[in-house]
């Protein structure tokens, strides 16, 4: 049923088209269709959710009948309380007939709930030619004409009530559409009154409904309602709730669902934050945003230094590889605090693109920037940075930077890195011309060799017989920790 033309072509050739839905199967004209074929599972699922076991088309068929059937299949589960209502919604006309699903059919949901498709016995179709699908003010689809049909009142309500008790409904006794509409109205009223906790509670109920949705299509419908309930103007208040107070996690869950708009608002609030607590709250919330990262990257070009710093820190914390070009533009920023954050971000990301700007930052005139560039390196991604690290180890004068550079080489643990550490640990000028260090610095090399694990054991055994007692003791302790 990809197109009306395709359906008409099938009918002209076959004269009849029968679609049969089962618990784990779908067949067309008694020919099984693989349930994993594109669109098959979704069609089968929607048929069963509306209590339809079989659909039969015969030529000629009016296009209106097909459109009505599609509208019924797209309706929320629970919109129709009986199979008679489904038939009425499809409408009476030539070329289309439905058969209801037997009561033993069960539709398994991804959530813990199981919905039993139990329907009252089918009654004669209601004599009504056309049913017009309309949307009310809340955006929910319904058939106004059905409300006027006396036949619906003649259904066996006692039987329907008894079956409803047997059929666990994840959204309560009301039809899904009515429940959703009431919930959206409650949330919008809370937002209009400035009751942000009330709005948050209603939004969280919507997320619970989405989690229990039987289909992805239904889940998308719920997300549309969430966006209606929490328009952009209310996102600001949700962002504030996500940064402080006892509802942080709930508000954060809503922001994540609302995507890029949430990220943009959180960045604006981070820029304007006046206190350290506010900045931490908005920063933390931003690190959980799955969308809108372009907004963060754009702030790398901001004119205010601390905005660039915050954006750089976020890029590193979120491992945003596509931020590397923007970060590279700031390796020469006039404020060392920005360069320090850029160094940290590039080191964490560690992509091939990040290596050249990192080399530049290892030569920064400020020791704190050099230290951050070295300390933040991911050893699994920094193999190609061993040469500049070895060079830095040989000429660095700041003790803290020397020790961290040695430790980074040890964590990388490549043959080239270990060779440099062995040379650095020598008591006199030897390999690479960087030996002859004071005992304290040679101990740092021993500690770095220990970080290399089994690759450094041979050198540690040699150093365990060194003439300097601190070096010798450090090597013996390292071997002990490594189990010799």
Protein backbone atom coordinates (compact mmCIF):
# COMPACT_ATOMS: atom_id res chain seq x y z
CA UNK A 1 0.00 0.00 0.00
CA UNK A 2 2.85 2.35 -0.76
CA UNK A 3 0.66 4.50 -3.04
CA UNK A 4 -2.94 4.52 -4.16
CA UNK A 5 -1.75 3.91 -7.71
CA UNK A 6 0.22 0.85 -6.61
CA UNK A 7 -2.82 -0.53 -4.77
CA UNK A 8 -5.05 0.02 -7.79
CA UNK A 9 -2.51 -1.79 -9.97
CA UNK A 10 -2.53 -4.79 -7.64
CA UNK A 11 -6.31 -4.89 -7.64
CA UNK A 12 -6.51 -4.71 -11.42
CA UNK A 13 -4.19 -7.70 -11.69
CA UNK A 14 -5.50 -9.76 -8.79
CA UNK A 15 -9.06 -8.53 -8.39
CA UNK A 16 -8.66 -8.78 -4.62
CA UNK A 17 -6.00 -7.82 -2.08
CA UNK A 18 -6.04 -9.33 1.40
CA UNK A 19 -3.71 -8.23 4.18
CA UNK A 20 -3.65 -10.57 7.19
CA UNK A 21 -1.99 -9.54 10.48
CA UNK A 22 -0.74 -12.03 13.05
CA UNK A 23 1.17 -12.00 16.29
CA UNK A 24 4.52 -12.34 14.54
CA UNK A 25 3.61 -12.35 10.85
CA UNK A 26 1.98 -10.48 8.01
CA UNK A 27 0.70 -11.99 4.77
CA UNK A 28 -0.56 -10.47 1.54
CA UNK A 29 -2.93 -12.66 -0.48
CA UNK A 30 -1.87 -15.56 1.76
CA UNK A 31 1.80 -15.04 0.90
CA UNK A 32 3.92 -14.47 4.04
CA UNK A 33 5.94 -11.25 4.10
CA UNK A 34 9.15 -11.18 6.24
CA UNK A 35 8.34 -9.20 9.35
CA UNK A 36 11.66 -7.35 9.08
CA UNK A 37 10.92 -6.10 5.55
CA UNK A 38 10.74 -2.28 5.40
CA UNK A 39 7.41 -1.08 6.79
CA UNK A 40 6.04 -4.57 7.41
CA UNK A 41 6.47 -4.66 11.18
CA UNK A 42 4.96 -1.18 11.53
CA UNK A 43 1.89 -2.05 9.43
CA UNK A 44 1.36 -5.33 11.28
CA UNK A 45 1.69 -3.55 14.63
CA UNK A 46 -0.80 -0.82 13.77
CA UNK A 47 -3.36 -3.29 12.49
CA UNK A 48 -3.22 -5.28 15.73
CA UNK A 49 -3.31 -2.17 17.92
CA UNK A 50 -6.63 -1.20 16.38
CA UNK A 51 -7.98 -4.75 16.73
CA UNK A 52 -7.88 -5.50 12.98
CA UNK A 53 -6.90 -9.02 11.92
CA UNK A 54 -7.67 -8.81 8.22
CA UNK A 55 -8.20 -6.09 5.60
CA UNK A 56 -9.70 -7.04 2.25
CA UNK A 57 -9.76 -4.76 -0.79
CA UNK A 58 -11.77 -5.62 -3.89
CA UNK A 59 -11.96 -3.77 -7.18
CA UNK A 60 -13.34 -1.26 -7.72
CA UNK A 61 -12.49 0.62 -4.52
CA UNK A 62 -12.96 4.27 -3.69
CA UNK A 63 -9.82 6.15 -2.71
CA UNK A 64 -11.71 7.64 0.25
CA UNK A 65 -11.93 4.16 1.82
CA UNK A 66 -8.15 3.78 1.71
CA UNK A 67 -7.60 7.24 3.19
CA UNK A 68 -10.04 6.47 6.02
CA UNK A 69 -8.24 3.22 6.81
CA UNK A 70 -4.87 4.99 6.93
CA UNK A 71 -6.32 7.54 9.35
CA UNK A 72 -7.58 4.77 11.63
CA UNK A 73 -4.22 3.00 11.62
CA UNK A 74 -2.48 6.25 12.51
CA UNK A 75 -4.78 6.95 15.49
CA UNK A 76 -3.55 6.56 19.07
CA UNK A 77 -4.15 3.16 20.70
CA UNK A 78 -7.29 3.50 22.78
CA UNK A 79 -8.92 6.07 20.49
CA UNK A 80 -11.49 3.43 19.51
CA UNK A 81 -13.03 1.49 22.40
CA UNK A 82 -14.57 -1.21 20.22
CA UNK A 83 -14.14 -2.86 16.87
CA UNK A 84 -17.49 -1.35 15.85
CA UNK A 85 -15.96 2.11 16.33
CA UNK A 86 -13.03 1.13 14.12
CA UNK A 87 -15.43 0.01 11.39
CA UNK A 88 -17.42 3.20 11.74
CA UNK A 89 -14.29 5.33 11.46
CA UNK A 90 -13.21 3.55 8.28
CA UNK A 91 -16.64 4.14 6.83
CA UNK A 92 -18.98 2.03 4.76
CA UNK A 93 -18.36 1.83 1.05
CA UNK A 94 -17.52 -0.54 -1.79
CA UNK A 95 -14.26 -2.40 -2.01
CA UNK A 96 -13.14 -2.58 1.64
CA UNK A 97 -13.98 -4.87 4.53
CA UNK A 98 -12.34 -5.54 7.91
CA UNK A 99 -12.24 -8.52 10.26
CA UNK A 100 -11.46 -8.04 13.90
CA UNK A 101 -8.58 -9.69 15.72
CA UNK A 102 -9.59 -12.66 17.90
CA UNK A 103 -9.41 -12.12 21.63
CA UNK A 104 -6.44 -14.45 22.10
CA UNK A 105 -4.14 -12.17 20.10
CA UNK A 106 -1.68 -10.29 22.31
CA UNK A 107 0.43 -7.35 21.29
CA UNK A 108 3.69 -7.29 23.25
CA UNK A 109 5.00 -3.85 24.09
CA UNK A 110 8.60 -2.86 24.75
CA UNK A 111 7.51 -1.59 28.17
CA UNK A 112 6.51 -3.97 30.98
CA UNK A 113 2.85 -3.49 30.01
CA UNK A 114 0.99 -5.98 27.84
CA UNK A 115 -2.15 -4.85 26.04
CA UNK A 116 -4.76 -7.54 25.34
CA UNK A 117 -6.68 -6.77 22.19
CA UNK A 118 -10.09 -7.75 23.53
CA UNK A 119 -12.99 -6.26 21.62
CA UNK A 120 -16.74 -6.66 21.84
CA UNK A 121 -18.32 -8.81 19.17
CA UNK A 122 -18.47 -7.05 15.84
CA UNK A 123 -21.78 -5.40 15.02
CA UNK A 124 -23.20 -4.39 11.68
CA UNK A 125 -21.40 -1.45 10.12
CA UNK A 126 -22.95 1.93 10.80
CA UNK A 127 -24.68 3.36 7.75
CA UNK A 128 -22.60 6.48 7.23
CA UNK A 129 -21.01 7.41 3.91
CA UNK A 130 -18.23 9.81 4.92
CA UNK A 131 -16.19 10.48 8.02
CA UNK A 132 -14.01 13.57 7.98
CA UNK A 133 -10.77 13.49 9.96
CA UNK A 134 -10.36 16.76 11.86
CA UNK A 135 -8.04 18.23 14.48
CA UNK A 136 -9.32 19.99 17.56
CA UNK A 137 -7.61 23.01 19.16
CA UNK A 138 -5.23 20.70 20.99
CA UNK A 139 -4.14 19.11 17.72
CA UNK A 140 -5.72 15.72 18.46
CA UNK A 141 -7.37 13.91 15.54
CA UNK A 142 -10.97 12.76 15.81
CA UNK A 143 -14.12 12.16 13.79
CA UNK A 144 -16.80 14.73 14.78
CA UNK A 145 -19.53 12.86 12.92
CA UNK A 146 -19.17 9.82 15.15
CA UNK A 147 -20.31 11.85 18.15
CA UNK A 148 -23.71 12.28 16.54
CA UNK A 149 -24.40 8.62 15.78
CA UNK A 150 -27.00 7.04 18.05
CA UNK A 151 -25.72 3.59 17.07
CA UNK A 152 -22.66 4.09 19.28
CA UNK A 153 -24.91 4.48 22.30
CA UNK A 154 -26.52 1.12 21.57
CA UNK A 155 -23.29 -0.80 22.14
CA UNK A 156 -23.21 -3.20 25.06
CA UNK A 157 -21.57 -0.89 27.61
CA UNK A 158 -21.61 -3.51 30.36
CA UNK A 159 -19.61 -5.91 28.18
CA UNK A 160 -17.19 -3.17 27.17
CA UNK A 161 -16.61 -2.16 30.81
CA UNK A 162 -15.95 -5.78 31.78
CA UNK A 163 -13.45 -6.19 28.94
CA UNK A 164 -11.75 -2.92 29.87
CA UNK A 165 -11.08 -4.36 33.33
CA UNK A 166 -9.38 -7.36 31.74
CA UNK A 167 -7.34 -5.19 29.40
CA UNK A 168 -4.49 -3.46 31.31
CA UNK A 169 -4.17 0.00 29.84
CA UNK A 170 -0.92 1.82 30.60
CA UNK A 171 -2.58 5.21 30.46
CA UNK A 172 -5.54 4.60 32.75
CA UNK A 173 -9.18 3.95 31.90
CA UNK A 174 -9.56 6.89 29.54
CA UNK A 175 -8.69 6.58 25.84
CA UNK A 176 -5.12 7.60 25.16
CA UNK A 177 -5.99 10.67 23.13
CA UNK A 178 -8.22 12.12 25.86
CA UNK A 179 -5.60 11.50 28.54
CA UNK A 180 -2.89 13.12 26.44
CA UNK A 181 -5.05 16.13 25.65
CA UNK A 182 -5.91 16.69 29.31
CA UNK A 183 -2.27 16.38 30.31
CA UNK A 184 -1.13 18.91 27.69
CA UNK A 185 -3.86 21.31 28.81
CA UNK A 186 -2.77 20.98 32.43
CA UNK A 187 0.84 21.66 31.54
CA UNK A 188 0.01 24.68 29.41
CA UNK A 189 -2.19 26.13 32.13
CA UNK A 190 0.63 25.69 34.66
CA UNK A 191 3.06 27.44 32.31
CA UNK A 192 0.65 30.32 31.69
CA UNK A 193 0.31 30.79 35.45
CA UNK A 194 4.08 30.72 36.02
CA UNK A 195 3.80 27.46 37.96
CA UNK A 196 7.06 25.99 36.67
CA UNK A 197 7.08 22.99 38.98
CA UNK A 198 3.55 22.17 37.83
CA UNK A 199 4.66 22.44 34.20
CA UNK A 200 7.65 20.21 34.95
CA UNK A 201 5.43 17.57 36.56
CA UNK A 202 3.12 17.48 33.54
CA UNK A 203 6.08 17.30 31.17
CA UNK A 204 7.56 14.41 33.15
CA UNK A 205 4.27 12.53 32.84
CA UNK A 206 4.53 12.99 29.08
CA UNK A 207 8.00 11.44 29.13
CA UNK A 208 6.60 8.45 31.01
CA UNK A 209 3.93 8.05 28.33
CA UNK A 210 6.60 8.23 25.62
CA UNK A 211 8.63 5.52 27.37
CA UNK A 212 5.55 3.28 27.35
CA UNK A 213 4.61 4.05 23.74
CA UNK A 214 3.84 0.97 21.69
CA UNK A 215 5.38 2.37 18.51
CA UNK A 216 7.99 4.88 17.43
CA UNK A 217 5.27 6.82 15.61
CA UNK A 218 3.35 7.13 18.86
CA UNK A 219 6.49 8.23 20.68
CA UNK A 220 7.04 10.97 18.10
CA UNK A 221 3.47 12.18 18.60
CA UNK A 222 4.11 12.49 22.32
CA UNK A 223 7.30 14.49 21.67
CA UNK A 224 5.33 16.87 19.48
CA UNK A 225 2.91 17.40 22.37
CA UNK A 226 5.85 18.01 24.72
CA UNK A 227 7.11 20.78 22.46
CA UNK A 228 3.64 22.34 22.45
CA UNK A 229 3.48 22.12 26.21
CA UNK A 230 6.96 23.63 26.73
CA UNK A 231 7.40 26.35 24.09
CA UNK A 232 10.69 28.21 23.75
CA UNK A 233 9.54 30.92 26.13
CA UNK A 234 9.19 28.36 28.96
CA UNK A 235 12.49 26.65 28.21
CA UNK A 236 14.28 29.41 30.07
CA UNK A 237 12.55 28.42 33.29
CA UNK A 238 13.21 24.72 32.67
CA UNK A 239 16.90 25.58 32.18
CA UNK A 240 16.96 27.40 35.49
CA UNK A 241 15.37 24.42 37.24
CA UNK A 242 18.04 22.20 35.65
CA UNK A 243 20.85 24.26 37.17
CA UNK A 244 19.72 24.41 40.80
CA UNK A 245 17.09 23.12 43.22
CA UNK A 246 15.70 19.69 43.90
CA UNK A 247 14.30 19.00 40.41
CA UNK A 248 17.57 19.19 38.44
CA UNK A 249 17.41 15.71 36.94
CA UNK A 250 13.74 16.03 35.93
CA UNK A 251 14.30 19.40 34.28
CA UNK A 252 17.41 18.09 32.55
CA UNK A 253 15.42 15.17 31.11
CA UNK A 254 12.96 17.65 29.57
CA UNK A 255 15.74 19.82 28.16
CA UNK A 256 17.42 16.81 26.55
CA UNK A 257 14.18 15.91 24.77
CA UNK A 258 13.76 19.45 23.43
CA UNK A 259 17.13 19.43 21.70
CA UNK A 260 19.05 22.33 20.18
CA UNK A 261 16.79 25.06 21.59
CA UNK A 262 17.70 23.90 25.09
CA UNK A 263 21.42 24.06 24.32
CA UNK A 264 21.12 27.59 22.96
CA UNK A 265 19.23 28.84 26.02
CA UNK A 266 21.65 27.16 28.43
CA UNK A 267 24.61 28.80 26.66
CA UNK A 268 22.93 32.20 26.92
CA UNK A 269 22.38 31.63 30.64
CA UNK A 270 25.98 30.49 31.09
CA UNK A 271 27.24 33.69 29.45
CA UNK A 272 25.03 35.83 31.69
CA UNK A 273 25.58 33.89 34.94
CA UNK A 274 26.73 36.14 37.77
CA UNK A 275 27.80 33.58 40.36
CA UNK A 276 30.11 30.56 40.33
CA UNK A 277 27.23 28.33 41.44
CA UNK A 278 25.09 29.38 38.49
CA UNK A 279 27.94 28.86 36.04
CA UNK A 280 28.59 25.38 37.39
CA UNK A 281 24.90 24.50 37.16
CA UNK A 282 24.49 25.64 33.55
CA UNK A 283 27.84 24.10 32.55
CA UNK A 284 26.85 20.75 34.03
CA UNK A 285 23.49 20.82 32.24
CA UNK A 286 25.16 21.63 28.92
CA UNK A 287 27.44 18.61 29.11
CA UNK A 288 24.31 16.41 28.97
CA UNK A 289 22.80 18.01 25.87
CA UNK A 290 22.69 15.60 22.89
CA UNK A 291 21.94 18.28 20.28
CA UNK A 292 22.80 21.88 19.42
CA UNK A 293 26.56 21.51 19.78
CA UNK A 294 27.07 24.02 16.96
CA UNK A 295 25.88 26.70 19.39
CA UNK A 296 28.70 25.82 21.80
CA UNK A 297 31.32 25.76 19.02
CA UNK A 298 30.14 29.17 17.75
CA UNK A 299 30.99 30.69 21.15
CA UNK A 300 34.68 29.90 20.55
CA UNK A 301 34.69 33.09 18.46
CA UNK A 302 33.09 35.24 21.17
CA UNK A 303 34.74 38.56 22.00
CA UNK A 304 34.70 38.00 25.79
CA UNK A 305 37.56 35.83 27.09
CA UNK A 306 35.61 33.88 29.69
CA UNK A 307 32.90 32.95 27.20
CA UNK A 308 35.58 31.46 24.92
CA UNK A 309 37.11 29.67 27.91
CA UNK A 310 33.78 28.15 28.93
CA UNK A 311 33.05 27.06 25.35
CA UNK A 312 36.49 25.44 25.08
CA UNK A 313 36.02 23.56 28.35
CA UNK A 314 32.65 22.29 27.13
CA UNK A 315 34.12 21.15 23.81
CA UNK A 316 36.71 19.10 25.68
CA UNK A 317 34.29 17.68 28.25
CA UNK A 318 31.88 16.63 25.47
CA UNK A 319 34.65 15.34 23.14
CA UNK A 320 33.40 17.48 20.25
CA UNK A 321 35.82 16.56 17.50
CA UNK A 322 34.24 18.98 15.05
CA UNK A 323 35.20 21.84 17.39
CA UNK A 324 38.94 21.36 16.69
CA UNK A 325 39.17 23.98 13.89
CA UNK A 326 37.55 26.56 16.17
CA UNK A 327 39.82 25.60 19.07
CA UNK A 328 42.91 25.81 16.84
CA UNK A 329 42.07 29.42 16.04
CA UNK A 330 42.49 30.27 19.73
CA UNK A 331 45.95 28.78 20.42
CA UNK A 332 47.31 32.33 20.23
CA UNK A 333 44.58 34.00 22.29
CA UNK A 334 45.89 36.89 24.32
CA UNK A 335 44.49 35.53 27.59
CA UNK A 336 46.46 32.59 28.97
CA UNK A 337 43.33 31.26 30.70
CA UNK A 338 41.74 30.75 27.31
CA UNK A 339 44.87 29.06 25.94
CA UNK A 340 44.94 26.77 28.97
CA UNK A 341 41.34 25.67 28.38
CA UNK A 342 41.97 25.25 24.65
CA UNK A 343 44.99 23.05 25.44
CA UNK A 344 42.89 20.91 27.76
CA UNK A 345 40.13 20.51 25.18
CA UNK A 346 42.48 19.61 22.33
CA UNK A 347 44.29 17.09 24.53
CA UNK A 348 41.06 15.35 25.50
CA UNK A 349 39.79 15.22 21.94
CA UNK A 350 43.15 14.04 20.60
CA UNK A 351 42.01 13.71 16.97
CA UNK A 352 44.62 13.93 14.15
CA UNK A 353 43.49 17.50 13.52
CA UNK A 354 44.22 18.40 17.14
CA UNK A 355 47.88 17.36 17.09
CA UNK A 356 49.40 20.38 15.35
CA UNK A 357 47.73 22.99 17.60
CA UNK A 358 48.78 20.87 20.59
CA UNK A 359 52.41 21.02 19.44
CA UNK A 360 52.13 24.79 19.39
CA UNK A 361 50.67 24.86 22.89
CA UNK A 362 53.51 22.67 24.21
CA UNK A 363 55.80 25.55 23.26
CA UNK A 364 53.59 28.22 24.89
CA UNK A 365 55.56 30.79 26.91
CA UNK A 366 53.35 30.22 29.98
CA UNK A 367 54.22 27.04 32.00
CA UNK A 368 50.58 26.53 33.06
CA UNK A 369 49.55 26.27 29.40
CA UNK A 370 52.33 23.79 28.61
CA UNK A 371 51.35 21.76 31.67
CA UNK A 372 47.68 21.61 30.65
CA UNK A 373 48.59 20.61 27.10
CA UNK A 374 50.66 17.68 28.38
CA UNK A 375 48.46 16.59 31.31
CA UNK A 376 45.24 16.41 29.28
CA UNK A 377 46.61 14.13 26.53
CA UNK A 378 44.77 10.88 25.92
CA UNK A 379 47.62 8.33 25.78
CA UNK A 380 45.73 6.15 23.28
CA UNK A 381 45.55 9.05 20.83
CA UNK A 382 48.90 10.73 21.44
CA UNK A 383 51.39 8.33 19.78
CA UNK A 384 52.38 10.88 17.16
CA UNK A 385 53.05 13.51 19.83
CA UNK A 386 55.94 11.56 21.36
CA UNK A 387 58.66 13.56 19.48
CA UNK A 388 57.49 16.97 20.75
CA UNK A 389 57.04 15.48 24.24
CA UNK A 390 60.61 14.15 24.18
CA UNK A 391 61.82 17.54 22.99
CA UNK A 392 59.89 19.26 25.80
CA UNK A 393 61.31 16.82 28.36
CA UNK A 394 64.85 17.69 27.27
CA UNK A 395 64.53 21.47 27.49
CA UNK A 396 61.81 22.15 30.08
CA UNK A 397 62.90 24.00 33.23
CA UNK A 398 59.68 23.98 35.26
CA UNK A 399 59.61 21.00 37.65
CA UNK A 400 55.87 20.41 37.45
CA UNK A 401 55.91 20.37 33.65
CA UNK A 402 58.92 18.02 33.60
CA UNK A 403 57.26 15.52 35.91
CA UNK A 404 53.96 15.55 34.00
CA UNK A 405 55.71 15.20 30.65
CA UNK A 406 57.60 12.14 31.91
CA UNK A 407 54.37 10.63 33.28
CA UNK A 408 52.61 11.20 29.95
CA UNK A 409 55.39 9.43 28.07
CA UNK A 410 55.07 6.53 30.51
CA UNK A 411 51.31 6.30 29.95
CA UNK A 412 51.84 6.29 26.17
CA UNK A 413 54.38 3.48 26.65
CA UNK A 414 55.59 3.26 23.05
CA UNK A 415 59.18 2.12 22.37
CA UNK A 416 60.17 5.68 21.47
CA UNK A 417 58.63 7.03 24.68
CA UNK A 418 60.32 4.38 26.85
CA UNK A 419 63.68 5.05 25.18
CA UNK A 420 63.41 8.73 26.12
CA UNK A 421 62.53 7.88 29.74
CA UNK A 422 65.47 5.47 30.06
CA UNK A 423 67.80 8.19 28.77
CA UNK A 424 66.29 10.71 31.15
CA UNK A 425 66.85 8.34 34.10
CA UNK A 426 70.58 7.89 33.42
CA UNK A 427 73.06 9.21 35.98
CA UNK A 428 75.29 10.73 33.34
CA UNK A 429 75.05 12.06 29.77
CA UNK A 430 73.93 9.17 27.56
CA UNK A 431 71.22 8.54 25.03
CA UNK A 432 69.71 11.53 23.23
CA UNK A 433 71.81 13.94 25.25
CA UNK A 434 69.19 14.41 27.95
CA UNK A 435 70.64 12.36 30.81
CA UNK A 436 72.54 13.51 33.87
CA UNK A 437 69.51 14.80 35.72
CA UNK A 438 69.30 15.40 39.47
CA UNK A 439 68.21 12.37 41.52
CA UNK A 440 64.73 13.86 42.10
CA UNK A 441 64.07 14.13 38.36
CA UNK A 442 65.52 10.67 37.72
CA UNK A 443 62.98 9.32 40.25
CA UNK A 444 60.23 10.91 38.16
CA UNK A 445 61.51 8.94 35.16
CA UNK A 446 61.41 5.74 37.27
CA UNK A 447 57.80 6.48 38.24
CA UNK A 448 56.95 7.07 34.57
CA UNK A 449 58.54 3.75 33.55
CA UNK A 450 56.33 2.06 36.14
CA UNK A 451 53.28 3.58 34.40
CA UNK A 452 54.32 1.77 31.21
CA UNK A 453 53.67 -1.59 32.92
CA UNK A 454 55.51 -4.64 31.62
CA UNK A 455 57.23 -2.59 28.90
CA UNK A 456 59.31 -0.78 31.50
CA UNK A 457 60.28 -3.77 33.66
CA UNK A 458 63.68 -4.38 32.05
CA UNK A 459 64.80 -0.80 32.57
CA UNK A 460 63.47 -0.83 36.13
CA UNK A 461 65.52 -3.92 36.96
CA UNK A 462 68.65 -2.12 35.78
CA UNK A 463 67.75 0.97 37.79
CA UNK A 464 67.14 -1.15 40.90
CA UNK A 465 70.95 -1.47 41.09
CA UNK A 466 71.56 2.28 40.55
CA UNK A 467 74.14 4.07 42.67
CA UNK A 468 71.69 6.79 43.81
CA UNK A 469 69.66 5.45 46.71
CA UNK A 470 66.42 7.39 45.90
CA UNK A 471 66.49 6.07 42.34
CA UNK A 472 67.31 2.53 43.47
CA UNK A 473 64.52 2.48 46.08
CA UNK A 474 61.99 3.92 43.63
CA UNK A 475 62.86 1.21 41.07
CA UNK A 476 62.60 -1.59 43.65
CA UNK A 477 59.21 -0.30 44.81
CA UNK A 478 57.98 -0.05 41.22
CA UNK A 479 59.04 -3.62 40.46
CA UNK A 480 57.28 -4.79 43.58
CA UNK A 481 54.06 -3.12 42.51
CA UNK A 482 54.37 -4.69 39.06
CA UNK A 483 55.00 -8.15 40.54
CA UNK A 484 58.54 -8.19 39.11
